[in-house]
Amino acid sequence: MKERVAADFPRTRADLEQLVRIPGCAFPGFPDDEIERACQAVIDIYRAAGFPRVERLDVDGGKPAVLAEVPGPPGSPTVLLYAHYDVQPAGDVSLWHSPPFDPTVRDGRLYGRGAADDKSGVVIHAAVMRAFDGQPPCTMRVIVEGEEEWGGPFADYPRTHPEVFAADAIVVADVGNVRLGEPTFTTALRGMAAVSVECRTLTGAVHSGMFGGPAPDALMALISLLATLRDADGETAIDGITGFDWDGPDFDEADFRDLAGVAPDQPLIGKGSIASRLFSKPVVNVVGIDAPPTQGAINAVIPYAKARVSLRVPPGLDALAARDALVRHLETHAPWGVQVSVTPDVVGQGVRVDTTGPAYAAAREAMLQAYGRLAVEIGAGGSIPLIDSLTAAVPDAEILLFGAQDPLARIHAPNESVDLAELERAVLAEALFIRNFGSVVP
């Protein structure tokens, strides 16, 4: 199997480069033509890989997905493989060392937007199909989403179409290893909740010299309110929202500082291990604020200010309940008797998956065969809302999260990349998992 994957890898890389060249962003305001082009490229890649069934899935109000399937021998289990073809916007192109949609290889890494997140997952599934010459030992069904980065309606698609996702095991190839060469399962994801909070204190701006003092400054009130969300150590301080200590391997502090760009003389905030602060404890952030810009600012008491607040919710804590607690906090902690208005926004449930079933046993053996070492389990600070929908739609399926990303991939940031050797190992690991699990009768 290793030799077959290696011999086929130039084609895997070519598929990835083809996809990276397509700037398919599902966000509003970006051209749908590029999404259509990316969707068709995925269809073409899977047909060429040998899937006898490849079709487009149109999602009401969303972007198209791709379904590919090959039946396995009678009585064999079914494995569902997931990835997404849409990408984050490139952002400030001047920060890229090479054009974001021109795949470029440097020091063994292929650079380009989406190279890791998650076009690597798309090509892994195609490469696995080729590794079995189109005849895998179990039924393989692939779903490739077109709006994961945007957060469109596909996240609820499994709840309304559970038959599409029915499987004994589901592999989500939208994550990666804790470090290069160290096989990793992501077994916990934080959830998320967001709200907007507005403060309006005056009918209009007034002169800060003539009226400042007794006239309530909406921006100062909002700043004071937002400051109550963290305590003196930087810990999230919202009643009813607690976390737990992560019981898996820790995240190396030096690695974290390097990846996050934290200056050497800047202390990290919060308490507990780095892994706990990243994977299993809550964190609240102000991710946007509406207020007068400093350029052209006048000496006036500000009458109105608004902020968007994002809360990462520990796995095991209901995200709706956490959002309600955040709303209560903001409504009851405004200073000086100032009235605020809080508008609830999106939520996504966190998850901690069961790792005791036969699929995980088959995957652990595959990881050992592919990497030559035992796999570790980590959490993820971010959210994948689809996972909660999958667990609701297919409650008996084992859900496995592993793939080709790594901390150096810098997903969502300038100079995103995937390590090509890691990508090849990820193909091998998934193929070996399919081979191992194919002998398991559900």
Foldseek 3Di string as FASTA:
>chain_A
DLVLLVVCLVVLVVLLLVLLLQQQAFAPPDDVVSLVVNQVSLQVLQVVLQFPDKDWADDVPGGIKIKTKAAAPPLFFEEEEEAASHFFDQPPQVPFPDGQSRFDDDPQWTWHTCSVRPVLSSSLVSSLCNSVVNHFLHMYMYMYHYHQVPPDPVLQVCVVVLVSVAGQAYEYARDAAQAPLFAEWAFKEWKKWKKKKKFFQDPFWDACVVDNDPRAFRVVLVVQLVVQQADPQRAGDFPPAFWDADPFDARDPVLVCVLVVPDPPDDDGDDHTNQCVQATGKHKDFPDKDDDDPVVDDRIRHRMMMTMMMMTGGAPDAFVVVQVRVVVSSQPRGPPPGGMDMGIDDIAHMHGFDQPDPLNVQLQVLSCVLSVDGHTYGHGNHGRRSVVSSCVSHVNHGYIYYHFDYSVQSGPHHGGITRSVSSSSRSSSVSSSSNSSSVDRD
